[in-house]
N, C-alpha and C. Protein backbone atom coordinates (compact mmCIF):
# COMPACT_ATOMS: atom_id res chain seq x y z
N UNK A 1 113.10 -19.82 60.93
CA UNK A 1 113.29 -21.37 60.42
C UNK A 1 111.61 -21.51 60.80
N UNK A 2 111.15 -22.47 59.91
CA UNK A 2 110.22 -23.02 60.21
C UNK A 2 109.66 -23.72 61.33
N UNK A 3 108.38 -24.14 62.17
CA UNK A 3 108.21 -25.05 63.27
C UNK A 3 108.59 -26.16 63.04
N UNK A 4 107.82 -26.97 61.76
CA UNK A 4 108.05 -28.07 61.42
C UNK A 4 109.61 -28.14 61.12
N UNK A 5 110.26 -27.81 60.80
CA UNK A 5 111.51 -28.09 60.06
C UNK A 5 112.16 -28.14 61.53
N UNK A 6 112.13 -27.14 62.60
CA UNK A 6 112.99 -27.44 63.87
C UNK A 6 112.58 -28.61 64.73
N UNK A 7 111.09 -28.71 64.47
CA UNK A 7 111.21 -29.86 65.27
C UNK A 7 111.56 -31.05 64.66
N UNK A 8 111.54 -31.22 63.22
CA UNK A 8 112.11 -32.44 62.56
C UNK A 8 113.81 -32.24 63.26
N UNK A 9 114.23 -31.28 63.10
CA UNK A 9 115.80 -31.35 63.14
C UNK A 9 116.12 -32.00 64.42
N UNK A 10 115.20 -31.21 65.40
CA UNK A 10 115.67 -31.08 66.51
C UNK A 10 115.51 -33.04 66.84
N UNK A 11 114.50 -33.25 66.96
CA UNK A 11 114.22 -35.05 66.70
C UNK A 11 115.49 -35.77 66.66
N UNK A 12 115.97 -35.34 65.59
CA UNK A 12 116.91 -36.09 64.57
C UNK A 12 118.63 -35.73 65.15
N UNK A 13 118.08 -34.94 65.87
CA UNK A 13 119.79 -34.31 66.39
C UNK A 13 119.94 -34.01 67.67
N UNK A 14 120.27 -34.40 68.91
CA UNK A 14 119.89 -34.23 70.27
C UNK A 14 121.22 -33.81 70.66
N UNK A 15 122.17 -34.35 69.78
CA UNK A 15 123.81 -33.41 70.55
C UNK A 15 124.06 -31.76 70.45
N UNK A 16 124.92 -31.42 71.03
CA UNK A 16 125.26 -30.03 70.92
C UNK A 16 125.64 -29.42 69.67
N UNK A 17 126.26 -30.26 68.76
CA UNK A 17 126.79 -29.88 67.53
C UNK A 17 125.52 -29.82 66.45
N UNK A 18 124.37 -30.83 66.86
CA UNK A 18 123.14 -30.53 66.17
C UNK A 18 122.56 -29.41 66.45
N UNK A 19 122.43 -28.93 67.45
CA UNK A 19 121.83 -27.43 67.54
C UNK A 19 122.55 -26.94 66.95
N UNK A 20 123.83 -26.59 66.94
CA UNK A 20 124.53 -25.93 66.04
C UNK A 20 124.69 -25.55 64.77
N UNK A 21 124.20 -27.06 64.39
CA UNK A 21 123.59 -27.20 62.74
C UNK A 21 122.07 -26.84 62.46
N UNK A 22 121.08 -26.91 63.89
CA UNK A 22 119.84 -26.43 63.78
C UNK A 22 120.31 -25.08 63.55
N UNK A 23 121.01 -24.44 64.19
CA UNK A 23 120.92 -22.95 63.93
C UNK A 23 121.36 -22.81 62.76
N UNK A 24 122.61 -23.41 62.27
CA UNK A 24 123.12 -22.91 60.86
C UNK A 24 121.81 -23.21 59.81
N UNK A 25 121.02 -24.02 60.36
CA UNK A 25 120.35 -24.37 59.28
C UNK A 25 118.86 -23.15 58.97
N UNK A 26 118.74 -22.57 60.29
CA UNK A 26 118.03 -21.48 60.73
C UNK A 26 118.27 -20.71 59.65
N UNK A 27 119.71 -20.26 60.26
CA UNK A 27 120.20 -18.95 59.51
C UNK A 27 120.22 -18.93 57.98
N UNK A 28 120.52 -20.27 57.30
CA UNK A 28 120.27 -20.49 55.89
C UNK A 28 119.31 -20.30 55.43
N UNK A 29 118.50 -20.78 55.75
CA UNK A 29 116.84 -20.64 55.87
C UNK A 29 116.52 -19.14 55.58
N UNK A 30 117.10 -18.56 56.79
CA UNK A 30 116.45 -16.78 56.86
C UNK A 30 117.43 -16.27 55.57
N UNK A 31 118.51 -16.66 55.37
CA UNK A 31 119.41 -16.02 54.07
C UNK A 31 118.26 -16.40 53.02
N UNK A 32 118.06 -17.87 52.60
CA UNK A 32 117.49 -17.55 51.33
C UNK A 32 115.97 -17.08 51.42
N UNK A 33 115.08 -17.11 52.70
CA UNK A 33 113.77 -16.26 52.48
C UNK A 33 114.42 -14.61 52.11
N UNK A 34 115.53 -14.50 52.66
CA UNK A 34 115.67 -12.88 52.36
C UNK A 34 116.12 -12.63 50.59
N UNK A 35 116.83 -13.86 50.46
CA UNK A 35 117.57 -13.73 48.91
C UNK A 35 116.09 -13.97 48.01
N UNK A 36 115.05 -14.42 48.55
CA UNK A 36 113.75 -14.59 47.81
C UNK A 36 113.26 -13.19 47.80
N UNK A 37 113.31 -12.65 48.98
CA UNK A 37 112.52 -11.80 48.86
C UNK A 37 112.98 -10.84 48.15
N UNK A 38 114.43 -10.54 48.14
CA UNK A 38 114.95 -9.42 47.21
C UNK A 38 115.10 -9.48 46.08
N UNK A 39 114.58 -11.06 46.02
CA UNK A 39 114.68 -11.31 44.34
C UNK A 39 112.93 -11.02 43.91
N UNK A 40 112.33 -11.35 44.69
CA UNK A 40 111.01 -10.78 44.04
C UNK A 40 110.76 -9.39 44.26
N UNK A 41 111.67 -8.58 45.02
CA UNK A 41 111.31 -7.14 44.64
C UNK A 41 111.41 -6.66 43.56
N UNK A 42 112.68 -7.11 43.03
CA UNK A 42 112.98 -6.50 41.54
C UNK A 42 111.97 -7.24 40.42
N UNK A 43 111.43 -8.36 40.78
CA UNK A 43 110.14 -8.70 39.52
C UNK A 43 109.23 -8.07 39.72
N UNK A 44 108.69 -7.71 40.89
CA UNK A 44 107.56 -6.77 41.30
C UNK A 44 107.86 -5.58 40.74
N UNK A 45 109.15 -5.03 41.07
CA UNK A 45 109.30 -3.86 40.07
C UNK A 45 109.38 -3.74 38.68
N UNK A 46 109.90 -4.73 38.12
CA UNK A 46 109.98 -5.13 36.90
C UNK A 46 108.30 -5.15 35.79
N UNK A 47 107.44 -5.83 37.19
CA UNK A 47 106.18 -5.99 36.79
C UNK A 47 105.71 -4.54 36.52
N UNK A 48 105.34 -3.88 37.15
CA UNK A 48 105.31 -2.48 37.71
C UNK A 48 105.71 -1.51 36.39
N UNK A 49 106.82 -1.66 36.14
CA UNK A 49 107.46 -1.15 34.94
C UNK A 49 107.00 -1.34 33.80
N UNK A 50 106.91 -2.90 33.69
CA UNK A 50 106.21 -3.17 32.19
C UNK A 50 104.79 -2.79 32.26
N UNK A 51 104.08 -2.80 33.41
CA UNK A 51 102.49 -2.26 33.22
C UNK A 51 102.53 -0.51 32.88
N UNK A 52 103.51 0.02 33.58
CA UNK A 52 103.42 1.43 33.53
C UNK A 52 104.02 1.59 32.07
N UNK A 53 104.88 0.39 31.65
CA UNK A 53 105.01 1.10 29.98
C UNK A 53 103.86 0.61 29.32
N UNK A 54 103.28 -0.23 29.38
CA UNK A 54 101.82 -0.68 28.85
C UNK A 54 100.88 0.24 28.61
N UNK A 55 100.86 0.81 29.71
CA UNK A 55 99.84 2.43 29.69
C UNK A 55 100.74 3.36 29.00
N UNK A 56 101.64 3.52 29.33
CA UNK A 56 102.02 4.57 28.12
C UNK A 56 101.92 4.40 26.87
N UNK A 57 102.20 3.41 26.65
CA UNK A 57 101.88 2.89 25.25
C UNK A 57 100.36 2.71 24.67
N UNK A 58 99.52 2.63 25.51
CA UNK A 58 98.12 2.97 25.17
C UNK A 58 97.77 4.15 25.25
N UNK A 59 98.37 5.20 26.16
CA UNK A 59 98.04 6.37 26.37
C UNK A 59 98.58 6.85 25.09
N UNK A 60 99.94 6.31 24.61
CA UNK A 60 100.78 7.10 23.21
C UNK A 60 99.71 7.05 21.98
N UNK A 61 99.21 5.69 22.07
CA UNK A 61 98.15 5.48 20.78
C UNK A 61 97.00 6.32 20.72
N UNK A 62 96.39 6.53 22.16
CA UNK A 62 95.05 6.96 22.21
C UNK A 62 95.32 8.36 21.99
N UNK A 63 96.54 9.25 22.23
CA UNK A 63 96.95 10.36 21.70
C UNK A 63 97.32 10.75 20.57
N UNK A 64 97.52 9.39 19.67
CA UNK A 64 98.25 9.52 18.27
C UNK A 64 97.00 9.67 17.55
N UNK A 65 96.17 8.86 18.00
CA UNK A 65 94.77 8.60 17.12
C UNK A 65 93.89 9.77 17.46
N UNK A 66 93.98 10.62 18.92
CA UNK A 66 93.36 11.60 18.59
C UNK A 66 94.29 13.02 17.64
N UNK A 67 95.14 12.59 17.57
CA UNK A 67 95.98 13.75 16.76
C UNK A 67 95.79 13.61 15.63
N UNK A 68 95.63 12.33 15.05
CA UNK A 68 95.45 11.91 13.63
C UNK A 68 93.91 12.44 13.39
N UNK A 69 92.97 12.32 14.35
CA UNK A 69 91.82 12.59 14.11
C UNK A 69 91.60 14.15 14.12
N UNK A 70 92.40 14.75 14.75
CA UNK A 70 92.06 16.58 14.70
C UNK A 70 93.14 16.78 12.89
N UNK A 71 94.15 16.28 12.75
CA UNK A 71 94.60 16.46 11.65
C UNK A 71 94.01 16.50 10.19
N UNK A 72 92.85 15.19 10.71
CA UNK A 72 92.20 14.63 9.70
C UNK A 72 90.78 15.97 9.67
N UNK A 73 90.77 16.20 10.71
CA UNK A 73 89.44 17.13 10.98
C UNK A 73 90.15 18.71 10.29
N UNK A 74 91.10 19.02 10.68
CA UNK A 74 91.74 20.26 10.08
C UNK A 74 91.76 19.98 8.43
N UNK A 75 92.11 18.91 7.94
CA UNK A 75 92.33 18.43 6.36
C UNK A 75 91.01 18.74 5.83
N UNK A 76 89.96 18.10 6.66
CA UNK A 76 88.58 18.24 5.91
C UNK A 76 87.97 19.95 6.07
N UNK A 77 88.35 20.28 6.68
CA UNK A 77 88.11 21.79 6.97
C UNK A 77 88.75 22.71 5.81
N UNK A 78 90.17 22.48 5.80
CA UNK A 78 91.07 22.86 4.36
C UNK A 78 90.51 22.63 3.12
N UNK A 79 89.94 21.12 3.11
CA UNK A 79 89.71 20.82 1.65
C UNK A 79 88.30 21.70 1.35
N UNK A 80 87.40 21.72 2.40
CA UNK A 80 85.76 22.16 2.48
C UNK A 80 85.86 23.78 1.77
N UNK A 81 87.10 24.42 2.57
CA UNK A 81 87.55 25.65 1.99
C UNK A 81 87.89 26.11 1.32
N UNK A 82 88.52 25.02 0.26
CA UNK A 82 89.23 25.19 -0.78
C UNK A 82 88.00 24.89 -1.77
N UNK A 83 87.52 24.07 -1.49
CA UNK A 83 86.32 23.68 -2.72
C UNK A 83 85.23 24.84 -2.79
N UNK A 84 85.00 25.38 -1.49
CA UNK A 84 83.87 26.53 -1.30
C UNK A 84 84.62 27.72 -2.38
N UNK A 85 86.00 27.91 -2.00
CA UNK A 85 86.95 28.99 -2.39
C UNK A 85 86.82 28.84 -4.53
N UNK A 86 86.46 27.33 -4.65
CA UNK A 86 86.82 26.91 -6.14
C UNK A 86 85.47 26.91 -6.76
N UNK A 87 84.50 26.86 -5.90
CA UNK A 87 83.13 27.18 -6.38
C UNK A 87 82.93 28.64 -6.55
N UNK A 88 83.32 29.29 -5.47
CA UNK A 88 83.22 31.11 -5.86
C UNK A 88 83.99 31.38 -7.01
N UNK A 89 84.89 30.81 -7.26
CA UNK A 89 86.04 31.48 -8.27
C UNK A 89 85.02 30.95 -9.74
N UNK A 90 84.51 29.64 -9.51
CA UNK A 90 84.00 29.28 -11.26
C UNK A 90 82.99 29.74 -11.16
N UNK A 91 81.71 30.38 -10.22
CA UNK A 91 80.89 30.82 -10.16
C UNK A 91 81.20 32.39 -10.86
N UNK A 92 82.08 32.87 -10.16
CA UNK A 92 82.65 34.29 -10.89
C UNK A 92 82.87 34.55 -12.35
N UNK A 93 83.70 33.20 -12.75
CA UNK A 93 84.14 33.02 -14.17
C UNK A 93 82.91 32.75 -14.71
N UNK A 94 81.96 32.04 -14.52
CA UNK A 94 80.82 32.19 -15.29
C UNK A 94 79.86 33.14 -15.22
N UNK A 95 80.03 34.00 -14.38
CA UNK A 95 79.27 35.17 -14.50
C UNK A 95 79.90 36.07 -15.43
N UNK A 96 81.17 36.32 -15.20
CA UNK A 96 81.65 37.38 -16.06
C UNK A 96 81.83 36.74 -17.56
N UNK A 97 81.81 35.23 -18.15
CA UNK A 97 81.71 35.02 -19.27
C UNK A 97 80.58 35.29 -19.98
N UNK A 98 79.58 34.88 -19.25
CA UNK A 98 77.67 35.29 -19.32
C UNK A 98 77.90 36.67 -19.59
N UNK A 99 78.28 38.04 -18.96
CA UNK A 99 78.38 39.13 -19.05
C UNK A 99 79.06 39.90 -20.52
N UNK A 100 80.12 38.65 -20.56
CA UNK A 100 81.09 39.09 -21.93
C UNK A 100 79.92 38.92 -23.16
N UNK A 101 79.20 37.50 -22.97
CA UNK A 101 79.00 36.96 -24.10
C UNK A 101 77.95 38.13 -24.53
N UNK A 102 77.10 38.40 -23.33
CA UNK A 102 76.20 39.91 -23.56
C UNK A 102 76.44 40.52 -23.99
N UNK A 103 78.01 41.38 -23.49
CA UNK A 103 77.94 42.40 -23.95
C UNK A 103 78.54 42.46 -25.68
N UNK A 104 79.40 41.22 -25.88
CA UNK A 104 78.95 40.98 -27.36
C UNK A 104 78.20 40.95 -28.37
N UNK A 105 77.34 40.19 -27.91
CA UNK A 105 75.75 40.37 -28.38
C UNK A 105 75.33 41.39 -28.75
N UNK A 106 75.51 42.53 -27.41
CA UNK A 106 74.81 44.08 -27.45
C UNK A 106 75.82 44.85 -28.59
N UNK A 107 77.12 44.23 -28.27
CA UNK A 107 77.94 44.92 -29.29
C UNK A 107 77.88 45.00 -30.81
N UNK A 108 77.50 43.32 -31.17
CA UNK A 108 77.19 43.44 -32.39
C UNK A 108 75.81 43.79 -33.06
N UNK A 109 74.99 44.05 -32.22
CA UNK A 109 73.67 44.45 -32.49
C UNK A 109 73.85 45.96 -32.81
N UNK A 110 74.51 46.64 -31.78
CA UNK A 110 74.83 48.00 -31.76
C UNK A 110 75.45 48.49 -32.85
N UNK A 111 76.21 47.38 -33.40
CA UNK A 111 77.03 47.48 -34.64
C UNK A 111 76.27 47.38 -35.88
N UNK A 112 75.63 46.47 -36.08
CA UNK A 112 74.75 46.26 -36.99
C UNK A 112 73.47 47.67 -37.30
N UNK A 113 72.76 47.86 -36.17
CA UNK A 113 72.15 48.92 -35.98
C UNK A 113 72.78 50.28 -36.99
N UNK A 114 73.91 50.30 -36.00
CA UNK A 114 74.77 51.59 -36.82
C UNK A 114 74.94 51.47 -38.34
N UNK A 115 75.66 50.49 -38.37
CA UNK A 115 75.56 49.98 -39.90
C UNK A 115 74.60 50.15 -41.05
N UNK A 116 73.23 49.60 -40.19
CA UNK A 116 72.06 49.97 -41.06
C UNK A 116 71.62 51.14 -41.18
N UNK A 117 71.84 52.11 -39.96
CA UNK A 117 71.22 53.43 -39.90
C UNK A 117 71.85 54.61 -41.26
N UNK A 118 73.65 54.05 -40.98
CA UNK A 118 74.49 54.56 -41.70
C UNK A 118 74.09 54.65 -43.44
N UNK A 119 73.78 53.38 -43.79
CA UNK A 119 73.55 52.43 -45.05
C UNK A 119 72.01 53.50 -45.37
N UNK A 120 71.39 53.30 -44.37
CA UNK A 120 69.78 54.27 -44.96
C UNK A 120 70.01 55.79 -45.43
N UNK A 121 70.62 56.58 -44.63
CA UNK A 121 71.10 57.23 -44.74
C UNK A 121 71.60 57.97 -46.13
N UNK A 122 72.76 56.70 -46.41
CA UNK A 122 73.60 56.85 -48.12
C UNK A 122 72.20 56.93 -48.95
N UNK A 123 71.90 55.75 -48.63
CA UNK A 123 70.66 55.10 -49.54
C UNK A 123 69.56 55.88 -50.45
N UNK A 124 69.02 56.70 -48.61
CA UNK A 124 68.11 57.77 -49.13
C UNK A 124 68.09 58.84 -50.15
N UNK A 125 69.57 59.28 -49.67
CA UNK A 125 70.31 60.23 -50.56
C UNK A 125 70.36 59.47 -52.04
N UNK A 126 70.58 58.14 -52.00
CA UNK A 126 70.80 57.94 -53.52
C UNK A 126 69.24 57.68 -54.53
N UNK A 127 68.18 57.71 -53.41
CA UNK A 127 67.14 57.74 -54.29
C UNK A 127 66.63 58.51 -55.21
N UNK A 128 66.86 59.85 -54.80
CA UNK A 128 66.65 60.96 -55.60
C UNK A 128 66.90 60.78 -57.21
N UNK A 129 68.46 60.63 -56.78
CA UNK A 129 69.19 60.29 -57.98
C UNK A 129 68.37 59.15 -59.27
N UNK A 130 67.86 58.23 -58.28
CA UNK A 130 67.24 57.41 -59.04
C UNK A 130 65.77 58.03 -59.90
N UNK A 131 65.12 58.40 -58.70
CA UNK A 131 64.08 58.95 -59.51
C UNK A 131 64.37 59.79 -61.02
N UNK A 132 65.47 60.80 -60.86
CA UNK A 132 65.90 61.38 -61.82
C UNK A 132 66.32 60.59 -63.00
N UNK A 133 66.90 59.64 -63.09
CA UNK A 133 66.99 58.73 -64.02
C UNK A 133 65.76 58.14 -64.63
N UNK A 134 64.72 58.13 -64.03
CA UNK A 134 63.82 57.21 -64.62
C UNK A 134 63.26 58.37 -64.99
N UNK A 135 62.95 59.70 -64.45
CA UNK A 135 62.06 60.49 -65.42
C UNK A 135 62.56 61.01 -66.51
N UNK A 136 64.43 60.89 -66.50
CA UNK A 136 65.09 61.48 -67.66
C UNK A 136 64.56 60.43 -69.00
N UNK A 137 64.74 59.10 -68.51
CA UNK A 137 64.72 57.49 -69.41
C UNK A 137 63.49 57.41 -69.90
N UNK A 138 62.44 57.86 -69.38
CA UNK A 138 60.68 58.15 -69.88
C UNK A 138 60.51 58.97 -70.63
N UNK A 139 61.73 60.06 -71.11
CA UNK A 139 61.10 60.73 -72.21
C UNK A 139 62.26 60.70 -73.29
N UNK A 140 62.94 59.89 -73.03
CA UNK A 140 64.16 59.53 -74.23
C UNK A 140 63.68 58.41 -75.56
N UNK A 141 63.98 59.45 -76.61
CA UNK A 141 63.27 58.48 -77.70
C UNK A 141 63.86 57.09 -77.95
N UNK A 142 63.57 56.47 -78.50
CA UNK A 142 64.10 55.23 -79.06
C UNK A 142 64.95 55.00 -80.20
N UNK A 143 66.14 54.34 -79.87
CA UNK A 143 67.19 54.21 -80.97
C UNK A 143 68.46 55.58 -80.35
N UNK A 144 67.92 56.38 -79.62
CA UNK A 144 69.17 57.17 -78.94
C UNK A 144 70.10 56.42 -78.15
N UNK A 145 71.30 57.02 -78.68
CA UNK A 145 72.70 56.02 -78.55
C UNK A 145 72.52 56.35 -77.00
N UNK A 146 72.53 57.83 -76.61
CA UNK A 146 73.00 58.43 -75.47
C UNK A 146 71.95 57.98 -74.33
N UNK A 147 70.72 57.92 -75.24
CA UNK A 147 69.53 57.33 -73.87
C UNK A 147 69.79 55.84 -73.69
N UNK A 148 70.32 54.92 -74.75
CA UNK A 148 70.74 53.72 -74.43
C UNK A 148 71.90 53.19 -73.17
N UNK A 149 72.81 54.22 -73.56
CA UNK A 149 74.13 54.23 -72.68
C UNK A 149 73.61 54.66 -71.30
N UNK A 150 72.83 55.73 -71.02
CA UNK A 150 71.98 56.14 -69.43
C UNK A 150 71.35 55.13 -69.28
N UNK A 151 70.36 53.86 -69.89
CA UNK A 151 69.53 53.31 -69.63
C UNK A 151 70.65 51.70 -68.74
N UNK A 152 71.89 51.88 -69.50
CA UNK A 152 72.72 50.73 -69.20
C UNK A 152 73.62 51.02 -67.70
N UNK A 153 73.81 52.40 -67.36
CA UNK A 153 73.91 53.19 -66.33
C UNK A 153 72.76 52.67 -65.41
N UNK A 154 71.43 52.77 -65.51
CA UNK A 154 70.68 53.25 -64.74
C UNK A 154 70.67 51.63 -64.19
N UNK A 155 70.66 50.47 -65.05
CA UNK A 155 70.52 49.10 -64.67
C UNK A 155 71.63 49.02 -63.94
N UNK A 156 72.99 49.30 -63.87
CA UNK A 156 74.01 48.99 -63.25
C UNK A 156 73.91 49.43 -62.02
N UNK A 157 73.29 50.61 -61.61
CA UNK A 157 72.94 51.24 -60.50
C UNK A 157 71.92 50.27 -59.51
N UNK A 158 71.14 49.91 -60.17
CA UNK A 158 69.58 49.42 -59.76
C UNK A 158 70.36 47.91 -59.11
N UNK A 159 71.14 47.29 -59.94
CA UNK A 159 71.79 45.90 -59.70
C UNK A 159 72.71 45.98 -58.18
N UNK A 160 73.54 47.40 -58.09
CA UNK A 160 74.24 47.49 -57.17
C UNK A 160 73.21 47.95 -55.49
N UNK A 161 72.24 48.25 -55.87
CA UNK A 161 70.93 48.65 -54.83
C UNK A 161 70.31 47.29 -54.31
N UNK A 162 70.36 46.42 -55.54
CA UNK A 162 69.74 45.20 -55.08
C UNK A 162 70.49 44.13 -54.35
N UNK A 163 71.94 44.43 -54.62
CA UNK A 163 72.95 43.64 -53.92
C UNK A 163 73.52 44.42 -52.30
N UNK A 164 72.78 45.88 -52.51
CA UNK A 164 73.10 46.13 -50.95
C UNK A 164 71.75 45.60 -50.38
N UNK A 165 70.67 45.11 -50.82
CA UNK A 165 69.31 44.89 -49.95
C UNK A 165 68.55 45.60 -50.05
N UNK A 166 68.36 46.69 -51.49
CA UNK A 166 67.35 47.54 -51.29
C UNK A 166 66.37 46.87 -52.90
N UNK A 167 65.25 46.87 -52.01
CA UNK A 167 63.98 46.48 -53.47
C UNK A 167 62.80 47.19 -53.35
N UNK A 168 62.61 47.41 -54.50
CA UNK A 168 61.01 48.11 -55.15
C UNK A 168 60.12 47.82 -54.16
N UNK A 169 58.87 48.60 -53.67
CA UNK A 169 57.90 48.21 -52.75
C UNK A 169 56.54 48.26 -53.99
N UNK A 170 56.13 47.14 -54.13
CA UNK A 170 54.71 46.56 -54.81
C UNK A 170 54.04 47.55 -54.61
N UNK A 171 53.17 48.20 -55.35
CA UNK A 171 52.04 49.15 -55.06
C UNK A 171 50.89 49.03 -55.86
N UNK A 172 50.99 49.29 -57.08
CA UNK A 172 49.66 49.52 -58.16
C UNK A 172 49.48 48.56 -58.27
N UNK A 173 47.62 47.96 -58.01
CA UNK A 173 47.12 47.05 -58.05
C UNK A 173 46.80 46.27 -56.77
N UNK A 174 47.89 46.63 -55.82
CA UNK A 174 47.62 46.10 -54.28
C UNK A 174 46.79 46.81 -53.70
N UNK A 175 46.30 46.60 -52.59
CA UNK A 175 45.27 46.84 -51.41
C UNK A 175 46.25 48.22 -50.47
N UNK A 176 46.07 49.21 -50.56
CA UNK A 176 46.26 50.21 -49.74
C UNK A 176 46.74 49.54 -48.33
N UNK A 177 48.09 49.51 -47.80
CA UNK A 177 48.63 49.35 -46.88
C UNK A 177 49.58 50.21 -45.95
N UNK A 178 49.09 51.24 -45.15
CA UNK A 178 49.71 52.39 -44.68
C UNK A 178 50.79 52.25 -44.07
N UNK A 179 51.55 50.47 -43.65
CA UNK A 179 52.90 50.74 -43.50
C UNK A 179 54.08 50.42 -44.73
N UNK A 180 53.39 50.67 -45.87
CA UNK A 180 53.92 51.00 -47.22
C UNK A 180 53.49 51.67 -48.14
N UNK A 181 52.73 52.16 -48.07
CA UNK A 181 52.17 53.03 -49.00
C UNK A 181 51.51 54.56 -48.50
N UNK A 182 52.04 55.53 -49.01
CA UNK A 182 51.37 56.70 -48.58
C UNK A 182 50.64 57.56 -49.40
N UNK A 183 49.18 57.49 -49.16
CA UNK A 183 48.08 58.09 -50.11
C UNK A 183 47.92 59.44 -50.27
N UNK A 184 48.71 59.70 -51.33
CA UNK A 184 48.25 61.59 -51.65
C UNK A 184 47.22 61.88 -52.20
N UNK A 185 46.45 61.19 -52.90
CA UNK A 185 45.40 61.26 -53.52
C UNK A 185 44.27 60.25 -53.70
N UNK A 186 43.00 60.60 -53.74
CA UNK A 186 41.84 59.74 -53.62
C UNK A 186 41.27 59.90 -54.98
N UNK A 187 40.85 58.90 -55.24
CA UNK A 187 39.79 58.82 -56.63
C UNK A 187 38.64 57.58 -56.81
N UNK A 188 37.39 57.95 -57.25
CA UNK A 188 36.11 57.33 -57.01
C UNK A 188 35.82 56.23 -58.52
N UNK A 189 36.05 55.27 -58.29
CA UNK A 189 35.86 54.31 -59.43
C UNK A 189 35.32 52.54 -59.30
N UNK A 190 34.00 53.00 -59.70
CA UNK A 190 33.56 51.83 -59.35
C UNK A 190 34.11 50.57 -60.16
N UNK A 191 34.88 50.75 -60.95
CA UNK A 191 35.11 49.72 -61.49
C UNK A 191 36.33 48.63 -60.91
N UNK A 192 36.78 49.73 -59.70
CA UNK A 192 38.13 48.84 -58.81
C UNK A 192 37.30 48.60 -57.88
N UNK A 193 38.03 47.98 -57.13
CA UNK A 193 37.44 47.41 -55.77
C UNK A 193 38.20 49.19 -54.64
N UNK A 194 37.88 48.48 -53.69
CA UNK A 194 38.08 49.33 -52.28
C UNK A 194 39.30 49.51 -51.99
N UNK A 195 39.92 50.57 -51.52
CA UNK A 195 41.19 50.79 -51.32
C UNK A 195 42.52 50.05 -52.17
N UNK A 196 41.94 50.10 -53.44
CA UNK A 196 42.94 49.84 -54.08
C UNK A 196 44.06 51.02 -54.71
N UNK A 197 45.06 50.31 -55.10
CA UNK A 197 46.16 51.59 -55.54
C UNK A 197 46.03 51.62 -56.79
N UNK A 198 45.96 52.60 -57.41
CA UNK A 198 45.68 52.66 -58.60
C UNK A 198 46.59 53.23 -59.89
N UNK A 199 47.61 54.16 -58.91
CA UNK A 199 48.71 54.37 -59.44
C UNK A 199 50.03 54.86 -58.68
N UNK A 200 51.06 54.93 -58.64
CA UNK A 200 52.05 55.18 -58.09
C UNK A 200 52.74 56.45 -58.60
N UNK A 201 52.84 57.13 -57.80
CA UNK A 201 53.08 58.48 -57.95
C UNK A 201 54.99 58.75 -57.65
N UNK A 202 55.29 58.13 -56.85
CA UNK A 202 56.67 58.14 -56.47
C UNK A 202 56.93 56.57 -55.72
N UNK A 203 58.15 55.97 -56.23
CA UNK A 203 58.25 54.49 -56.09
C UNK A 203 58.58 54.56 -54.49
N UNK A 204 58.39 53.49 -53.94
CA UNK A 204 58.98 53.41 -52.50
C UNK A 204 59.76 52.14 -52.46
N UNK A 205 61.04 52.07 -51.39
CA UNK A 205 61.68 51.15 -51.23
C UNK A 205 61.77 50.57 -49.83
N UNK A 206 62.28 49.41 -50.06
CA UNK A 206 62.53 48.66 -48.88
C UNK A 206 64.23 48.26 -48.74
N UNK A 207 64.44 48.51 -47.51
CA UNK A 207 66.27 48.35 -46.92
C UNK A 207 66.05 46.87 -46.00
N UNK A 208 66.43 45.78 -46.63
CA UNK A 208 65.82 44.49 -45.63
C UNK A 208 64.93 44.25 -45.42
N UNK A 209 64.81 44.25 -44.11
CA UNK A 209 63.24 44.47 -43.49
C UNK A 209 62.43 45.71 -42.97
N UNK A 210 63.17 46.96 -43.46
CA UNK A 210 62.64 48.23 -43.12
C UNK A 210 62.40 48.70 -44.07
N UNK A 211 61.35 50.15 -43.94
CA UNK A 211 60.90 50.78 -45.11
C UNK A 211 62.29 51.80 -45.32
N UNK A 212 62.69 51.86 -46.49
CA UNK A 212 63.66 53.15 -46.74
C UNK A 212 63.09 54.21 -47.21
N UNK A 213 61.70 54.06 -47.94
CA UNK A 213 60.89 55.17 -48.20
C UNK A 213 59.36 54.92 -48.36
N UNK A 214 58.24 55.26 -47.95
CA UNK A 214 56.94 54.83 -48.47
C UNK A 214 56.92 55.26 -49.90
N UNK A 215 55.85 54.49 -50.63
CA UNK A 215 55.30 54.85 -52.14
C UNK A 215 54.30 55.68 -51.69
N UNK A 216 54.59 56.77 -52.70
CA UNK A 216 53.26 57.79 -52.76
C UNK A 216 52.77 57.22 -53.78
N UNK A 217 51.41 57.22 -53.15
CA UNK A 217 50.35 56.60 -54.36
C UNK A 217 49.02 57.39 -54.47
N UNK A 218 48.16 56.94 -55.10
CA UNK A 218 46.56 57.13 -55.65
C UNK A 218 45.93 56.20 -55.61
N UNK A 219 44.68 56.32 -54.31
CA UNK A 219 43.91 55.17 -53.93
C UNK A 219 42.57 55.52 -54.19
N UNK A 220 41.97 54.29 -54.77
CA UNK A 220 40.69 54.36 -55.31
C UNK A 220 39.64 53.92 -54.12
N UNK A 221 38.53 54.33 -54.17
CA UNK A 221 37.30 54.01 -53.44
C UNK A 221 37.67 54.27 -52.03
């Protein structure tokens, strides 16, 4: 009981009963103080628990945020590795496609060269037959039905050769060119120019852009 309360009560009550009441009041005040103390202790405890819960929540948030950052970092690393793998595979595919394209072009070129070589070998064997046709027809008489028939066969043969890419090399009256002409004879003639082909002794032929057989010629001056 506080001193002021005790003094006030003692002033108001002078009898024995009043003293008992004072004592009772003091006891009641002690009980109130005790009850207040007991009440404040749970409140303090509850406050500490709430604070601890708040701290735990904050820690949980921080932990969750860190976990999210770690997961995001791992995800980014996985994405980067996946992208690197994709780029590597794309590069390999592009290289293989380029190699295949080069292989295809090389194969086509080799096939074309092999075809040209085979065609040239066959055509070179046909040219002597053409020469014999021309020699025989040059001696044939006009009006000979057999010779006329041979001329028709000769024309048909030459048409087939032209369609296959064979054409005669122009030589007579042209300037001598060692890439197309093979000079086997030489004559002096002041009426003709220098290095002019005056006569074709054997025809030459081209197959597409290559020489199938050089023309055998006589050159003047």
